[in-house]
Amino acid sequence: MEKKYKVGGMACGGCAASVERALKMLPGVVAVKVDLSAGIAAVTGEVSDDDVAAAIENTGFDFLGIED
């Protein structure tokens, strides 16, 4: 299952890579693709929204919610 999350505060490719690395470390995550220009992290796997939010926030970026 893929879900898309809005991420704020990313300004460069390094920022996107940091978010991607943090999300890939979560248990249950199969794949992650971060779109810097759209500010979206697409996460595939079985992981809770709370865990995704915490990983984004702990990396120093803003969790802005779930993309519809």
C-alpha atoms as a PDB file:
ATOM      1  CA  MET A   1       0.000   0.000   0.000  1.00  0.00           C
ATOM      2  CA  GLU A   2       1.361   3.440  -0.926  1.00  0.00           C
ATOM      3  CA  LYS A   3       0.546   6.619   0.958  1.00  0.00           C
ATOM      4  CA  LYS A   4       1.774  10.123   0.250  1.00  0.00           C
ATOM      5  CA  TYR A   5       2.776  12.539   2.973  1.00  0.00           C
ATOM      6  CA  LYS A   6       3.366  16.291   2.770  1.00  0.00           C
ATOM      7  CA  VAL A   7       6.773  17.400   4.018  1.00  0.00           C
ATOM      8  CA  GLY A   8       7.732  21.008   4.709  1.00  0.00           C
ATOM      9  CA  GLY A   9      11.134  22.609   4.990  1.00  0.00           C
ATOM     10  CA  MET A  10      13.027  20.645   2.355  1.00  0.00           C
ATOM     11  CA  ALA A  11      15.239  23.006   0.351  1.00  0.00           C
ATOM     12  CA  CYS A  12      17.683  20.745  -1.499  1.00  0.00           C
ATOM     13  CA  GLY A  13      18.429  17.237  -2.666  1.00  0.00           C
ATOM     14  CA  GLY A  14      20.274  16.547   0.572  1.00  0.00           C
ATOM     15  CA  CYS A  15      17.137  17.377   2.532  1.00  0.00           C
ATOM     16  CA  ALA A  16      15.086  14.971   0.436  1.00  0.00           C
ATOM     17  CA  ALA A  17      17.746  12.274   0.838  1.00  0.00           C
ATOM     18  CA  SER A  18      17.696  12.704   4.630  1.00  0.00           C
ATOM     19  CA  VAL A  19      13.925  12.259   4.746  1.00  0.00           C
ATOM     20  CA  GLU A  20      14.147   9.250   2.428  1.00  0.00           C
ATOM     21  CA  ARG A  21      16.825   7.575   4.581  1.00  0.00           C
ATOM     22  CA  ALA A  22      14.838   8.139   7.782  1.00  0.00           C
ATOM     23  CA  LEU A  23      11.640   6.714   6.295  1.00  0.00           C
ATOM     24  CA  LYS A  24      13.411   3.673   4.801  1.00  0.00           C
ATOM     25  CA  MET A  25      14.616   2.746   8.304  1.00  0.00           C
ATOM     26  CA  LEU A  26      11.067   2.363   9.638  1.00  0.00           C
ATOM     27  CA  PRO A  27       9.892  -1.226  10.159  1.00  0.00           C
ATOM     28  CA  GLY A  28       7.382  -2.275   7.505  1.00  0.00           C
ATOM     29  CA  VAL A  29       8.547   0.204   4.857  1.00  0.00           C
ATOM     30  CA  VAL A  30       9.232  -1.426   1.481  1.00  0.00           C
ATOM     31  CA  ALA A  31      10.055   1.661  -0.620  1.00  0.00           C
ATOM     32  CA  VAL A  32      10.239   5.439  -0.348  1.00  0.00           C
ATOM     33  CA  LYS A  33      10.315   8.128  -3.034  1.00  0.00           C
ATOM     34  CA  VAL A  34      10.662  11.768  -2.049  1.00  0.00           C
ATOM     35  CA  ASP A  35       9.681  14.473  -4.540  1.00  0.00           C
ATOM     36  CA  LEU A  36      11.538  17.600  -3.467  1.00  0.00           C
ATOM     37  CA  SER A  37       9.714  20.020  -5.765  1.00  0.00           C
ATOM     38  CA  ALA A  38       6.259  18.797  -4.693  1.00  0.00           C
ATOM     39  CA  GLY A  39       7.211  18.348  -1.026  1.00  0.00           C
ATOM     40  CA  ILE A  40       5.810  14.824  -1.033  1.00  0.00           C
ATOM     41  CA  ALA A  41       7.148  11.568   0.398  1.00  0.00           C
ATOM     42  CA  ALA A  42       5.536   8.460  -1.094  1.00  0.00           C
ATOM     43  CA  VAL A  43       5.864   5.505   1.280  1.00  0.00           C
ATOM     44  CA  THR A  44       5.078   1.934   0.272  1.00  0.00           C
ATOM     45  CA  GLY A  45       4.545  -0.694   2.963  1.00  0.00           C
ATOM     46  CA  GLU A  46       2.735  -1.239   6.215  1.00  0.00           C
ATOM     47  CA  VAL A  47       3.656   1.600   8.567  1.00  0.00           C
ATOM     48  CA  SER A  48       1.607   3.875  10.799  1.00  0.00           C
ATOM     49  CA  ASP A  49       1.050   7.513   9.943  1.00  0.00           C
ATOM     50  CA  ASP A  50       2.311   8.421  13.415  1.00  0.00           C
ATOM     51  CA  ASP A  51       5.628   6.644  12.784  1.00  0.00           C
ATOM     52  CA  VAL A  52       6.037   8.439   9.457  1.00  0.00           C
ATOM     53  CA  ALA A  53       5.242  11.789  11.068  1.00  0.00           C
ATOM     54  CA  ALA A  54       7.747  11.156  13.873  1.00  0.00           C
ATOM     55  CA  ALA A  55      10.501  10.145  11.437  1.00  0.00           C
ATOM     56  CA  ILE A  56       9.980  13.299   9.364  1.00  0.00           C
ATOM     57  CA  GLU A  57       9.907  15.557  12.433  1.00  0.00           C
ATOM     58  CA  ASN A  58      12.936  13.835  14.018  1.00  0.00           C
ATOM     59  CA  THR A  59      14.895  14.494  10.827  1.00  0.00           C
ATOM     60  CA  GLY A  60      14.254  18.220  11.270  1.00  0.00           C
ATOM     61  CA  PHE A  61      11.471  18.764   8.762  1.00  0.00           C
ATOM     62  CA  ASP A  62       7.774  19.516   9.083  1.00  0.00           C
ATOM     63  CA  PHE A  63       5.113  16.830   8.753  1.00  0.00           C
ATOM     64  CA  LEU A  64       2.236  18.647   7.035  1.00  0.00           C
ATOM     65  CA  GLY A  65      -0.251  15.791   6.755  1.00  0.00           C
ATOM     66  CA  ILE A  66      -1.390  13.126   4.361  1.00  0.00           C
ATOM     67  CA  GLU A  67      -1.723  13.961   0.672  1.00  0.00           C
ATOM     68  CA  ASP A  68      -5.209  13.147  -0.668  1.00  0.00           C
END
